[in-house]
């Protein structure tokens, strides 16, 4: 019978490799959690007055605007979000970012010029509302128009999730939150969860 010492040694090496992989994955998860926590600490939370204010039109297209777009995209990704409006980082300018089927978009002075298709009710969450998720009815198709950070016109035909995200972020720029668009019972439940957070944040 052949010896299996070599196999045994290879087995130990394999176990060590797995341990190293596990440790690497844990380290990456911890780093991701820290990045997310840091990003969320820069996102205004429910109760902050800026979330109820209407953002103003952008009339200057400069490096500062481009940096704002990059910063917002970075925060969106680090916070595991798929959209973020300028109000949510305390800036009252009509800018939002979102992920459109894998492509990052920065939209300045956005407007929805057409909405169509069926209405669909689906649960929405918000980086400014913590764990709260509520059902919101929205059109499945929209045409989103605006400009990019260089002032060049942008026109997007959006469907499904991308259409929903664009409508959600445009609401933010008008000071509207998902709890304003849900049914009465869901709003009551959401506010019951948000009020303790509100008291803690002001304590």
N, C-alpha and C. Protein backbone atom coordinates (compact mmCIF):
# COMPACT_ATOMS: atom_id res chain seq x y z
N UNK A 1 0.86 -1.19 0.00
CA UNK A 1 0.00 0.00 0.00
C UNK A 1 0.89 1.24 0.00
N UNK A 2 0.52 2.18 -0.83
CA UNK A 2 1.33 3.40 -0.91
C UNK A 2 1.09 4.28 0.30
N UNK A 3 2.15 5.03 0.67
CA UNK A 3 2.01 5.98 1.76
C UNK A 3 1.24 7.20 1.26
N UNK A 4 0.55 7.85 2.21
CA UNK A 4 -0.21 9.05 1.86
C UNK A 4 0.32 10.26 2.61
N UNK A 5 1.61 10.18 3.00
CA UNK A 5 2.17 11.31 3.73
C UNK A 5 2.10 12.60 2.91
N UNK A 6 2.44 12.45 1.60
CA UNK A 6 2.41 13.63 0.75
C UNK A 6 1.02 14.23 0.71
N UNK A 7 0.01 13.34 0.57
CA UNK A 7 -1.37 13.81 0.54
C UNK A 7 -1.72 14.49 1.85
N UNK A 8 -1.25 13.94 2.96
CA UNK A 8 -1.54 14.48 4.27
C UNK A 8 -0.94 15.90 4.41
N UNK A 9 0.33 16.02 3.91
CA UNK A 9 0.97 17.33 3.97
C UNK A 9 0.23 18.33 3.09
N UNK A 10 -0.17 17.87 1.90
CA UNK A 10 -0.93 18.75 1.02
C UNK A 10 -2.24 19.16 1.67
N UNK A 11 -2.84 18.22 2.43
CA UNK A 11 -4.09 18.52 3.14
C UNK A 11 -3.89 19.66 4.13
N UNK A 12 -2.76 19.62 4.87
CA UNK A 12 -2.46 20.69 5.83
C UNK A 12 -2.27 22.02 5.11
N UNK A 13 -1.55 21.95 3.98
CA UNK A 13 -1.32 23.18 3.20
C UNK A 13 -2.65 23.75 2.73
N UNK A 14 -3.55 22.87 2.29
CA UNK A 14 -4.87 23.29 1.81
C UNK A 14 -5.64 23.95 2.95
N UNK A 15 -5.61 23.35 4.14
CA UNK A 15 -6.30 23.92 5.30
C UNK A 15 -5.76 25.30 5.63
N UNK A 16 -4.43 25.44 5.57
CA UNK A 16 -3.81 26.73 5.86
C UNK A 16 -4.24 27.79 4.85
N UNK A 17 -4.31 27.35 3.56
CA UNK A 17 -4.75 28.28 2.52
C UNK A 17 -6.19 28.73 2.78
N UNK A 18 -7.05 27.77 3.20
CA UNK A 18 -8.44 28.10 3.51
C UNK A 18 -8.51 29.08 4.68
N UNK A 19 -7.68 28.82 5.72
CA UNK A 19 -7.66 29.71 6.88
C UNK A 19 -7.25 31.12 6.47
N UNK A 20 -6.22 31.19 5.58
CA UNK A 20 -5.77 32.50 5.11
C UNK A 20 -6.87 33.21 4.32
N UNK A 21 -7.59 32.42 3.50
CA UNK A 21 -8.70 32.99 2.73
C UNK A 21 -9.80 33.50 3.65
N UNK A 22 -10.14 32.70 4.68
CA UNK A 22 -11.17 33.09 5.63
C UNK A 22 -10.78 34.39 6.33
N UNK A 23 -9.50 34.46 6.75
CA UNK A 23 -9.02 35.66 7.44
C UNK A 23 -9.07 36.87 6.51
N UNK A 24 -8.70 36.64 5.23
CA UNK A 24 -8.73 37.73 4.25
C UNK A 24 -10.16 38.21 4.02
N UNK A 25 -11.09 37.24 3.91
CA UNK A 25 -12.50 37.60 3.71
C UNK A 25 -13.04 38.37 4.90
N UNK A 26 -12.69 37.91 6.11
CA UNK A 26 -13.13 38.60 7.33
C UNK A 26 -12.57 40.03 7.37
N UNK A 27 -11.31 40.16 7.01
CA UNK A 27 -10.68 41.50 7.00
C UNK A 27 -11.38 42.41 6.00
N UNK A 28 -11.71 41.84 4.81
CA UNK A 28 -12.39 42.63 3.78
C UNK A 28 -13.79 43.02 4.24
N UNK A 29 -14.49 42.08 4.91
CA UNK A 29 -15.83 42.38 5.43
C UNK A 29 -15.79 43.48 6.48
N UNK A 30 -14.77 43.40 7.36
CA UNK A 30 -14.63 44.42 8.40
C UNK A 30 -14.35 45.79 7.77
N UNK A 31 -13.46 45.79 6.76
CA UNK A 31 -13.13 47.05 6.08
C UNK A 31 -14.37 47.63 5.39
N UNK A 32 -15.15 46.74 4.75
CA UNK A 32 -16.37 47.16 4.07
C UNK A 32 -17.36 47.76 5.07
N UNK A 33 -17.52 47.10 6.22
CA UNK A 33 -18.44 47.58 7.25
C UNK A 33 -18.01 48.94 7.78
N UNK A 34 -16.70 49.13 7.95
CA UNK A 34 -16.19 50.42 8.43
C UNK A 34 -16.42 51.52 7.40
N UNK A 35 -16.17 51.18 6.11
CA UNK A 35 -16.39 52.16 5.04
C UNK A 35 -17.87 52.56 4.99
N UNK A 36 -18.75 51.54 5.13
CA UNK A 36 -20.19 51.81 5.09
C UNK A 36 -20.60 52.71 6.25
N UNK A 37 -20.09 52.40 7.44
CA UNK A 37 -20.41 53.20 8.63
C UNK A 37 -19.94 54.64 8.46
N UNK A 38 -18.73 54.80 7.93
CA UNK A 38 -18.18 56.14 7.70
C UNK A 38 -19.02 56.89 6.67
N UNK A 39 -19.40 56.20 5.60
CA UNK A 39 -20.21 56.84 4.56
C UNK A 39 -21.56 57.27 5.12
N UNK A 40 -22.21 56.38 5.87
CA UNK A 40 -23.53 56.70 6.43
C UNK A 40 -23.45 57.85 7.43
N UNK A 41 -22.31 58.00 8.10
CA UNK A 41 -22.16 59.10 9.05
C UNK A 41 -22.14 60.45 8.33
N UNK A 42 -21.90 60.43 7.01
CA UNK A 42 -21.88 61.67 6.22
C UNK A 42 -23.20 61.91 5.49
N UNK A 43 -24.15 60.96 5.65
CA UNK A 43 -25.47 61.10 5.03
C UNK A 43 -26.44 61.63 6.08
N UNK A 44 -27.12 62.73 5.76
CA UNK A 44 -28.07 63.32 6.70
C UNK A 44 -29.21 62.34 6.99
N UNK A 45 -29.61 62.27 8.25
CA UNK A 45 -30.61 61.31 8.67
C UNK A 45 -31.94 62.00 8.97
N UNK A 46 -33.00 61.19 8.98
CA UNK A 46 -34.36 61.69 9.22
C UNK A 46 -34.39 62.60 10.45
N UNK A 47 -35.03 63.74 10.29
CA UNK A 47 -35.08 64.73 11.35
C UNK A 47 -34.22 65.94 11.02
N UNK A 48 -33.25 65.76 10.11
CA UNK A 48 -32.42 66.87 9.67
C UNK A 48 -33.25 67.75 8.74
N UNK A 49 -33.32 69.03 9.05
CA UNK A 49 -34.18 69.96 8.30
C UNK A 49 -33.86 70.01 6.81
N UNK A 50 -32.60 69.77 6.44
CA UNK A 50 -32.21 69.89 5.03
C UNK A 50 -32.94 68.88 4.15
N UNK A 51 -33.36 67.76 4.74
CA UNK A 51 -34.08 66.74 3.97
C UNK A 51 -35.47 67.20 3.56
N UNK A 52 -35.97 68.27 4.18
CA UNK A 52 -37.30 68.79 3.86
C UNK A 52 -37.24 70.07 3.03
N UNK A 53 -36.04 70.44 2.60
CA UNK A 53 -35.88 71.66 1.82
C UNK A 53 -35.77 71.35 0.32
N UNK A 54 -36.24 72.29 -0.48
CA UNK A 54 -36.13 72.13 -1.93
C UNK A 54 -34.77 72.62 -2.39
N UNK A 55 -34.06 71.81 -3.13
CA UNK A 55 -32.74 72.18 -3.63
C UNK A 55 -32.86 73.20 -4.76
N UNK A 56 -31.87 74.07 -4.87
CA UNK A 56 -31.88 75.11 -5.89
C UNK A 56 -31.20 74.66 -7.18
N UNK A 57 -31.58 75.29 -8.28
CA UNK A 57 -31.00 74.98 -9.59
C UNK A 57 -29.50 75.26 -9.58
N UNK A 58 -28.76 74.45 -10.33
CA UNK A 58 -27.33 74.65 -10.49
C UNK A 58 -27.11 75.55 -11.71
N UNK A 59 -26.32 76.62 -11.53
CA UNK A 59 -26.06 77.49 -12.68
C UNK A 59 -24.56 77.63 -12.98
N UNK A 60 -23.72 76.98 -12.16
CA UNK A 60 -22.29 77.02 -12.42
C UNK A 60 -21.72 75.63 -12.60
N UNK A 61 -21.01 75.41 -13.68
CA UNK A 61 -20.46 74.08 -13.97
C UNK A 61 -18.94 74.16 -13.91
N UNK A 62 -18.41 73.77 -12.76
CA UNK A 62 -16.98 73.94 -12.50
C UNK A 62 -16.40 72.69 -11.83
N UNK A 63 -15.15 72.78 -11.44
CA UNK A 63 -14.48 71.63 -10.80
C UNK A 63 -15.16 71.25 -9.49
N UNK A 64 -15.69 72.24 -8.79
CA UNK A 64 -16.36 71.96 -7.51
C UNK A 64 -17.57 71.05 -7.72
N UNK A 65 -18.32 71.31 -8.79
CA UNK A 65 -19.49 70.49 -9.11
C UNK A 65 -19.06 69.07 -9.48
N UNK A 66 -17.99 68.96 -10.26
CA UNK A 66 -17.47 67.64 -10.64
C UNK A 66 -17.02 66.87 -9.41
N UNK A 67 -16.36 67.57 -8.48
CA UNK A 67 -15.91 66.91 -7.24
C UNK A 67 -17.09 66.46 -6.39
N UNK A 68 -18.16 67.28 -6.38
CA UNK A 68 -19.36 66.90 -5.64
C UNK A 68 -19.94 65.60 -6.20
N UNK A 69 -20.01 65.52 -7.54
CA UNK A 69 -20.52 64.30 -8.17
C UNK A 69 -19.69 63.08 -7.81
N UNK A 70 -18.37 63.22 -7.85
CA UNK A 70 -17.48 62.11 -7.51
C UNK A 70 -17.63 61.71 -6.05
N UNK A 71 -17.71 62.71 -5.18
CA UNK A 71 -17.86 62.43 -3.75
C UNK A 71 -19.18 61.69 -3.48
N UNK A 72 -20.25 62.14 -4.12
CA UNK A 72 -21.55 61.50 -3.91
C UNK A 72 -21.56 60.07 -4.43
N UNK A 73 -20.92 59.84 -5.57
CA UNK A 73 -20.85 58.47 -6.10
C UNK A 73 -20.07 57.57 -5.14
N UNK A 74 -18.97 58.10 -4.60
CA UNK A 74 -18.17 57.33 -3.65
C UNK A 74 -18.97 56.98 -2.41
N UNK A 75 -19.69 57.97 -1.87
CA UNK A 75 -20.51 57.73 -0.67
C UNK A 75 -21.62 56.72 -0.97
N UNK A 76 -22.26 56.86 -2.15
CA UNK A 76 -23.33 55.93 -2.53
C UNK A 76 -22.82 54.50 -2.54
N UNK A 77 -21.67 54.28 -3.16
CA UNK A 77 -21.13 52.91 -3.24
C UNK A 77 -20.69 52.41 -1.87
N UNK A 78 -20.00 53.25 -1.10
CA UNK A 78 -19.52 52.82 0.21
C UNK A 78 -20.68 52.51 1.16
N UNK A 79 -21.80 53.22 0.99
CA UNK A 79 -22.97 53.00 1.85
C UNK A 79 -23.87 51.89 1.33
N UNK A 80 -23.46 51.23 0.25
CA UNK A 80 -24.27 50.17 -0.37
C UNK A 80 -25.60 50.70 -0.90
N UNK A 81 -25.58 51.93 -1.39
CA UNK A 81 -26.79 52.51 -1.95
C UNK A 81 -26.80 52.39 -3.46
N UNK A 82 -27.94 52.75 -4.07
CA UNK A 82 -28.03 52.76 -5.53
C UNK A 82 -28.44 54.14 -6.03
N UNK A 83 -28.55 55.10 -5.09
CA UNK A 83 -28.86 56.47 -5.46
C UNK A 83 -28.59 57.38 -4.27
N UNK A 84 -28.29 58.66 -4.55
CA UNK A 84 -28.04 59.62 -3.48
C UNK A 84 -28.28 61.02 -4.03
N UNK A 85 -29.03 61.83 -3.27
CA UNK A 85 -29.31 63.20 -3.67
C UNK A 85 -28.46 64.17 -2.86
N UNK A 86 -28.19 65.35 -3.43
CA UNK A 86 -27.31 66.31 -2.78
C UNK A 86 -27.84 66.74 -1.41
N UNK A 87 -29.17 66.84 -1.26
CA UNK A 87 -29.74 67.17 0.06
C UNK A 87 -29.21 66.23 1.14
N UNK A 88 -29.02 64.97 0.77
CA UNK A 88 -28.64 63.96 1.74
C UNK A 88 -27.22 64.14 2.26
N UNK A 89 -26.44 64.98 1.57
CA UNK A 89 -25.11 65.31 2.09
C UNK A 89 -25.06 66.78 2.48
N UNK A 90 -26.24 67.36 2.69
CA UNK A 90 -26.33 68.72 3.22
C UNK A 90 -26.12 69.83 2.21
N UNK A 91 -26.24 69.51 0.94
CA UNK A 91 -26.01 70.52 -0.11
C UNK A 91 -27.29 70.72 -0.90
N UNK A 92 -27.82 71.94 -0.87
CA UNK A 92 -29.11 72.22 -1.51
C UNK A 92 -28.92 72.64 -2.97
N UNK A 93 -28.41 71.70 -3.75
CA UNK A 93 -28.26 71.90 -5.18
C UNK A 93 -28.93 70.74 -5.89
N UNK A 94 -29.49 71.01 -7.06
CA UNK A 94 -30.27 69.98 -7.76
C UNK A 94 -29.32 69.03 -8.51
N UNK A 95 -28.78 68.11 -7.72
CA UNK A 95 -27.86 67.09 -8.23
C UNK A 95 -28.21 65.77 -7.57
N UNK A 96 -28.28 64.71 -8.35
CA UNK A 96 -28.33 63.38 -7.73
C UNK A 96 -27.49 62.40 -8.54
N UNK A 97 -27.11 61.34 -7.88
CA UNK A 97 -26.34 60.27 -8.53
C UNK A 97 -27.12 58.97 -8.38
N UNK A 98 -26.94 58.08 -9.33
CA UNK A 98 -27.57 56.77 -9.21
C UNK A 98 -26.86 55.78 -10.12
N UNK A 99 -27.16 54.52 -9.87
CA UNK A 99 -26.57 53.47 -10.69
C UNK A 99 -27.63 52.98 -11.68
N UNK A 100 -27.34 53.16 -12.95
CA UNK A 100 -28.27 52.81 -14.02
C UNK A 100 -27.78 51.54 -14.71
N UNK A 101 -28.27 50.39 -14.21
CA UNK A 101 -27.90 49.09 -14.76
C UNK A 101 -26.38 48.93 -14.87
N UNK A 102 -25.68 49.26 -13.78
CA UNK A 102 -24.24 49.09 -13.73
C UNK A 102 -23.43 50.31 -14.11
N UNK A 103 -24.10 51.32 -14.65
CA UNK A 103 -23.38 52.54 -15.04
C UNK A 103 -23.71 53.67 -14.08
N UNK A 104 -22.67 54.30 -13.51
CA UNK A 104 -22.86 55.41 -12.59
C UNK A 104 -23.27 56.66 -13.37
N UNK A 105 -24.27 57.38 -12.84
CA UNK A 105 -24.75 58.60 -13.48
C UNK A 105 -24.75 59.74 -12.48
N UNK A 106 -24.34 60.92 -12.93
CA UNK A 106 -24.49 62.15 -12.15
C UNK A 106 -25.41 63.05 -12.96
N UNK A 107 -26.58 63.37 -12.42
CA UNK A 107 -27.57 64.16 -13.14
C UNK A 107 -27.75 65.51 -12.43
N UNK A 108 -27.58 66.58 -13.19
CA UNK A 108 -27.71 67.94 -12.66
C UNK A 108 -28.99 68.57 -13.22
N UNK A 109 -29.70 69.31 -12.37
CA UNK A 109 -30.97 69.94 -12.74
C UNK A 109 -31.92 68.95 -13.43
N UNK A 110 -32.16 67.81 -12.78
CA UNK A 110 -32.97 66.76 -13.41
C UNK A 110 -34.46 67.09 -13.42
N UNK A 111 -35.13 66.54 -14.40
CA UNK A 111 -36.60 66.60 -14.43
C UNK A 111 -37.11 65.36 -15.15
N UNK A 112 -38.28 64.92 -14.75
CA UNK A 112 -38.93 63.80 -15.43
C UNK A 112 -39.92 64.41 -16.41
N UNK A 113 -39.65 64.20 -17.70
CA UNK A 113 -40.45 64.83 -18.74
C UNK A 113 -41.56 63.93 -19.25
N UNK A 114 -41.46 62.65 -18.91
CA UNK A 114 -42.53 61.71 -19.30
C UNK A 114 -42.53 60.56 -18.32
N UNK A 115 -43.72 60.13 -17.95
CA UNK A 115 -43.83 58.89 -17.17
C UNK A 115 -44.91 58.05 -17.80
N UNK A 116 -44.69 56.74 -17.81
CA UNK A 116 -45.65 55.87 -18.48
C UNK A 116 -45.54 54.45 -17.99
N UNK A 117 -46.15 53.55 -18.76
CA UNK A 117 -46.18 52.16 -18.35
C UNK A 117 -47.15 51.97 -17.19
N UNK A 118 -47.14 50.80 -16.64
CA UNK A 118 -48.02 50.51 -15.51
C UNK A 118 -47.48 51.15 -14.24
N UNK A 119 -48.37 51.30 -13.26
CA UNK A 119 -47.94 51.69 -11.93
C UNK A 119 -47.60 50.42 -11.15
N UNK A 120 -46.51 50.47 -10.42
CA UNK A 120 -46.10 49.31 -9.63
C UNK A 120 -45.80 49.75 -8.20
N UNK A 121 -46.30 48.97 -7.25
CA UNK A 121 -45.98 49.23 -5.84
C UNK A 121 -44.89 48.28 -5.40
N UNK A 122 -43.81 48.85 -4.87
CA UNK A 122 -42.68 48.05 -4.41
C UNK A 122 -42.07 48.71 -3.18
N UNK A 123 -41.43 47.90 -2.33
CA UNK A 123 -40.82 48.45 -1.13
C UNK A 123 -39.58 49.27 -1.49
N UNK A 124 -39.45 50.42 -0.84
CA UNK A 124 -38.27 51.26 -1.02
C UNK A 124 -37.63 51.53 0.33
N UNK A 125 -36.30 51.60 0.32
CA UNK A 125 -35.55 52.02 1.49
C UNK A 125 -34.83 53.30 1.15
N UNK A 126 -34.18 53.90 2.15
CA UNK A 126 -33.51 55.17 1.94
C UNK A 126 -32.32 55.26 2.89
N UNK A 127 -31.19 55.74 2.37
CA UNK A 127 -29.99 55.86 3.20
C UNK A 127 -30.20 56.85 4.35
N UNK A 128 -31.20 57.71 4.24
CA UNK A 128 -31.49 58.69 5.30
C UNK A 128 -32.53 58.21 6.29
N UNK A 129 -33.06 57.01 6.07
CA UNK A 129 -34.12 56.50 6.94
C UNK A 129 -33.76 55.17 7.60
N UNK A 130 -32.48 54.87 7.69
CA UNK A 130 -32.03 53.67 8.39
C UNK A 130 -32.68 52.41 7.86
N UNK A 131 -33.24 51.58 8.77
CA UNK A 131 -33.78 50.28 8.34
C UNK A 131 -35.20 50.35 7.78
N UNK A 132 -35.78 51.53 7.75
CA UNK A 132 -37.18 51.66 7.32
C UNK A 132 -37.34 51.34 5.84
N UNK A 133 -38.34 50.52 5.54
CA UNK A 133 -38.71 50.22 4.16
C UNK A 133 -40.24 50.32 4.07
N UNK A 134 -40.73 51.00 3.06
CA UNK A 134 -42.18 51.17 2.91
C UNK A 134 -42.58 50.95 1.46
N UNK A 135 -43.82 50.51 1.22
CA UNK A 135 -44.30 50.35 -0.16
C UNK A 135 -44.60 51.71 -0.79
N UNK A 136 -44.13 51.88 -2.03
CA UNK A 136 -44.37 53.13 -2.76
C UNK A 136 -44.81 52.78 -4.17
N UNK A 137 -45.86 53.45 -4.63
CA UNK A 137 -46.35 53.22 -5.99
C UNK A 137 -45.71 54.24 -6.94
N UNK A 138 -45.14 53.74 -8.02
CA UNK A 138 -44.51 54.62 -9.01
C UNK A 138 -44.71 54.06 -10.42
N UNK A 139 -44.65 54.93 -11.43
CA UNK A 139 -44.67 54.45 -12.82
C UNK A 139 -43.43 53.61 -13.11
N UNK A 140 -43.59 52.62 -13.97
CA UNK A 140 -42.49 51.73 -14.32
C UNK A 140 -41.54 52.31 -15.35
N UNK A 141 -41.99 53.35 -16.07
CA UNK A 141 -41.15 53.94 -17.13
C UNK A 141 -41.14 55.46 -16.99
N UNK A 142 -39.95 56.04 -17.11
CA UNK A 142 -39.86 57.50 -17.11
C UNK A 142 -38.78 57.96 -18.10
N UNK A 143 -38.94 59.18 -18.56
CA UNK A 143 -37.88 59.85 -19.31
C UNK A 143 -37.27 60.88 -18.38
N UNK A 144 -35.98 60.75 -18.13
CA UNK A 144 -35.26 61.66 -17.24
C UNK A 144 -34.37 62.57 -18.09
N UNK A 145 -34.53 63.87 -17.89
CA UNK A 145 -33.69 64.83 -18.61
C UNK A 145 -32.97 65.74 -17.63
N UNK A 146 -31.82 66.21 -18.04
CA UNK A 146 -31.02 67.12 -17.23
C UNK A 146 -29.73 67.38 -17.96
N UNK A 147 -28.69 67.68 -17.20
CA UNK A 147 -27.36 67.86 -17.79
C UNK A 147 -26.34 67.13 -16.92
N UNK A 148 -25.13 66.92 -17.47
CA UNK A 148 -24.08 66.31 -16.67
C UNK A 148 -23.26 67.41 -15.98
N UNK A 149 -22.18 67.04 -15.29
CA UNK A 149 -21.42 68.03 -14.53
C UNK A 149 -20.71 69.05 -15.41
N UNK A 150 -20.62 68.76 -16.71
CA UNK A 150 -20.02 69.72 -17.65
C UNK A 150 -21.07 70.60 -18.32
N UNK A 151 -22.35 70.34 -17.97
CA UNK A 151 -23.43 71.13 -18.56
C UNK A 151 -23.98 70.58 -19.86
N UNK A 152 -23.54 69.38 -20.25
CA UNK A 152 -24.02 68.78 -21.50
C UNK A 152 -25.37 68.08 -21.26
N UNK A 153 -26.31 68.22 -22.20
CA UNK A 153 -27.64 67.63 -22.02
C UNK A 153 -27.61 66.11 -21.87
N UNK A 154 -28.46 65.62 -21.01
CA UNK A 154 -28.61 64.17 -20.78
C UNK A 154 -30.09 63.83 -20.89
N UNK A 155 -30.38 62.77 -21.63
CA UNK A 155 -31.76 62.29 -21.73
C UNK A 155 -31.73 60.77 -21.62
N UNK A 156 -32.40 60.24 -20.61
CA UNK A 156 -32.38 58.80 -20.35
C UNK A 156 -33.80 58.23 -20.34
N UNK A 157 -33.98 57.14 -21.07
CA UNK A 157 -35.25 56.41 -21.01
C UNK A 157 -35.05 55.28 -20.00
N UNK A 158 -35.72 55.36 -18.87
CA UNK A 158 -35.49 54.44 -17.77
C UNK A 158 -36.70 53.55 -17.52
N UNK A 159 -36.42 52.32 -17.13
CA UNK A 159 -37.48 51.36 -16.82
C UNK A 159 -37.15 50.65 -15.51
N UNK A 160 -38.17 50.10 -14.89
CA UNK A 160 -37.98 49.23 -13.72
C UNK A 160 -37.29 49.93 -12.57
N UNK A 161 -36.26 49.27 -12.03
CA UNK A 161 -35.57 49.77 -10.84
C UNK A 161 -34.93 51.13 -11.09
N UNK A 162 -34.29 51.31 -12.25
CA UNK A 162 -33.64 52.59 -12.54
C UNK A 162 -34.65 53.73 -12.56
N UNK A 163 -35.85 53.47 -13.12
CA UNK A 163 -36.90 54.48 -13.14
C UNK A 163 -37.35 54.81 -11.71
N UNK A 164 -37.46 53.80 -10.88
CA UNK A 164 -37.88 53.99 -9.49
C UNK A 164 -36.84 54.81 -8.72
N UNK A 165 -35.57 54.48 -8.92
CA UNK A 165 -34.49 55.19 -8.22
C UNK A 165 -34.47 56.66 -8.63
N UNK A 166 -34.61 56.93 -9.92
CA UNK A 166 -34.59 58.32 -10.40
C UNK A 166 -35.74 59.12 -9.77
N UNK A 167 -36.92 58.51 -9.68
CA UNK A 167 -38.06 59.20 -9.08
C UNK A 167 -37.83 59.44 -7.58
N UNK A 168 -37.26 58.46 -6.91
CA UNK A 168 -36.94 58.57 -5.49
C UNK A 168 -35.97 59.73 -5.24
N UNK A 169 -34.90 59.80 -6.05
CA UNK A 169 -33.89 60.85 -5.84
C UNK A 169 -34.43 62.23 -6.22
N UNK A 170 -35.24 62.30 -7.25
CA UNK A 170 -35.85 63.59 -7.62
C UNK A 170 -36.77 64.07 -6.51
N UNK A 171 -37.48 63.16 -5.87
CA UNK A 171 -38.30 63.51 -4.70
C UNK A 171 -37.44 64.18 -3.63
N UNK A 172 -36.26 63.60 -3.36
CA UNK A 172 -35.36 64.18 -2.35
C UNK A 172 -35.07 65.64 -2.65
N UNK A 173 -34.82 65.95 -3.92
CA UNK A 173 -34.47 67.32 -4.29
C UNK A 173 -35.63 68.29 -4.07
N UNK A 174 -36.85 67.75 -3.95
CA UNK A 174 -38.03 68.56 -3.66
C UNK A 174 -38.43 68.49 -2.18
N UNK A 175 -37.60 67.82 -1.37
CA UNK A 175 -37.89 67.72 0.06
C UNK A 175 -38.93 66.67 0.40
N UNK A 176 -39.16 65.73 -0.51
CA UNK A 176 -40.16 64.67 -0.31
C UNK A 176 -39.47 63.36 0.04
N UNK A 177 -39.99 62.66 1.05
CA UNK A 177 -39.44 61.38 1.48
C UNK A 177 -40.42 60.25 1.17
N UNK A 178 -39.91 59.03 1.19
CA UNK A 178 -40.78 57.88 0.87
C UNK A 178 -41.93 57.73 1.86
N UNK A 179 -41.76 58.20 3.10
CA UNK A 179 -42.86 58.11 4.06
C UNK A 179 -44.01 59.03 3.67
N UNK A 180 -43.75 60.01 2.81
CA UNK A 180 -44.82 60.89 2.30
C UNK A 180 -45.60 60.22 1.18
N UNK A 181 -45.01 59.21 0.58
CA UNK A 181 -45.62 58.59 -0.61
C UNK A 181 -46.23 57.22 -0.33
N UNK A 182 -46.13 56.75 0.90
CA UNK A 182 -46.65 55.43 1.22
C UNK A 182 -48.07 55.53 1.79
N UNK A 183 -48.66 54.38 2.10
CA UNK A 183 -50.02 54.38 2.66
C UNK A 183 -49.96 54.77 4.14
N UNK A 184 -51.11 55.11 4.69
CA UNK A 184 -51.19 55.65 6.06
C UNK A 184 -50.65 54.67 7.11
N UNK A 185 -51.00 53.40 6.97
CA UNK A 185 -50.55 52.41 7.96
C UNK A 185 -49.03 52.24 7.92
N UNK A 186 -48.47 52.14 6.72
CA UNK A 186 -47.01 52.00 6.59
C UNK A 186 -46.29 53.24 7.12
N UNK A 187 -46.91 54.43 6.91
CA UNK A 187 -46.31 55.66 7.42
C UNK A 187 -46.29 55.65 8.95
N UNK A 188 -47.39 55.24 9.56
CA UNK A 188 -47.45 55.17 11.04
C UNK A 188 -46.38 54.24 11.58
N UNK A 189 -46.26 53.06 10.95
CA UNK A 189 -45.26 52.08 11.41
C UNK A 189 -43.84 52.63 11.23
N UNK A 190 -43.60 53.31 10.11
CA UNK A 190 -42.27 53.87 9.85
C UNK A 190 -41.94 54.96 10.87
N UNK A 191 -42.90 55.83 11.14
CA UNK A 191 -42.66 56.92 12.10
C UNK A 191 -42.42 56.37 13.50
N UNK A 192 -43.09 55.27 13.84
CA UNK A 192 -42.87 54.65 15.15
C UNK A 192 -41.44 54.16 15.28
N UNK A 193 -40.85 53.73 14.17
CA UNK A 193 -39.45 53.28 14.19
C UNK A 193 -38.49 54.46 14.13
N UNK A 194 -38.89 55.53 13.46
CA UNK A 194 -38.00 56.66 13.28
C UNK A 194 -37.95 57.59 14.50
N UNK A 195 -39.04 57.70 15.24
CA UNK A 195 -39.08 58.65 16.35
C UNK A 195 -38.02 58.36 17.42
N UNK A 196 -37.83 57.09 17.83
CA UNK A 196 -36.76 56.84 18.81
C UNK A 196 -35.39 57.26 18.28
N UNK A 197 -35.13 57.06 16.99
CA UNK A 197 -33.86 57.48 16.38
C UNK A 197 -33.74 59.00 16.43
N UNK A 198 -34.89 59.68 16.22
CA UNK A 198 -34.92 61.14 16.23
C UNK A 198 -34.54 61.67 17.63
N UNK A 199 -35.11 61.06 18.66
CA UNK A 199 -34.83 61.46 20.04
C UNK A 199 -33.37 61.23 20.36
N UNK A 200 -32.84 60.05 19.94
CA UNK A 200 -31.44 59.73 20.21
C UNK A 200 -30.51 60.70 19.52
N UNK A 201 -30.84 61.06 18.26
CA UNK A 201 -29.95 61.93 17.50
C UNK A 201 -29.92 63.34 18.09
N UNK A 202 -31.00 63.72 18.80
CA UNK A 202 -31.05 65.06 19.37
C UNK A 202 -30.59 65.07 20.84
N UNK A 203 -30.39 63.88 21.38
CA UNK A 203 -30.01 63.78 22.80
C UNK A 203 -28.57 64.15 23.05
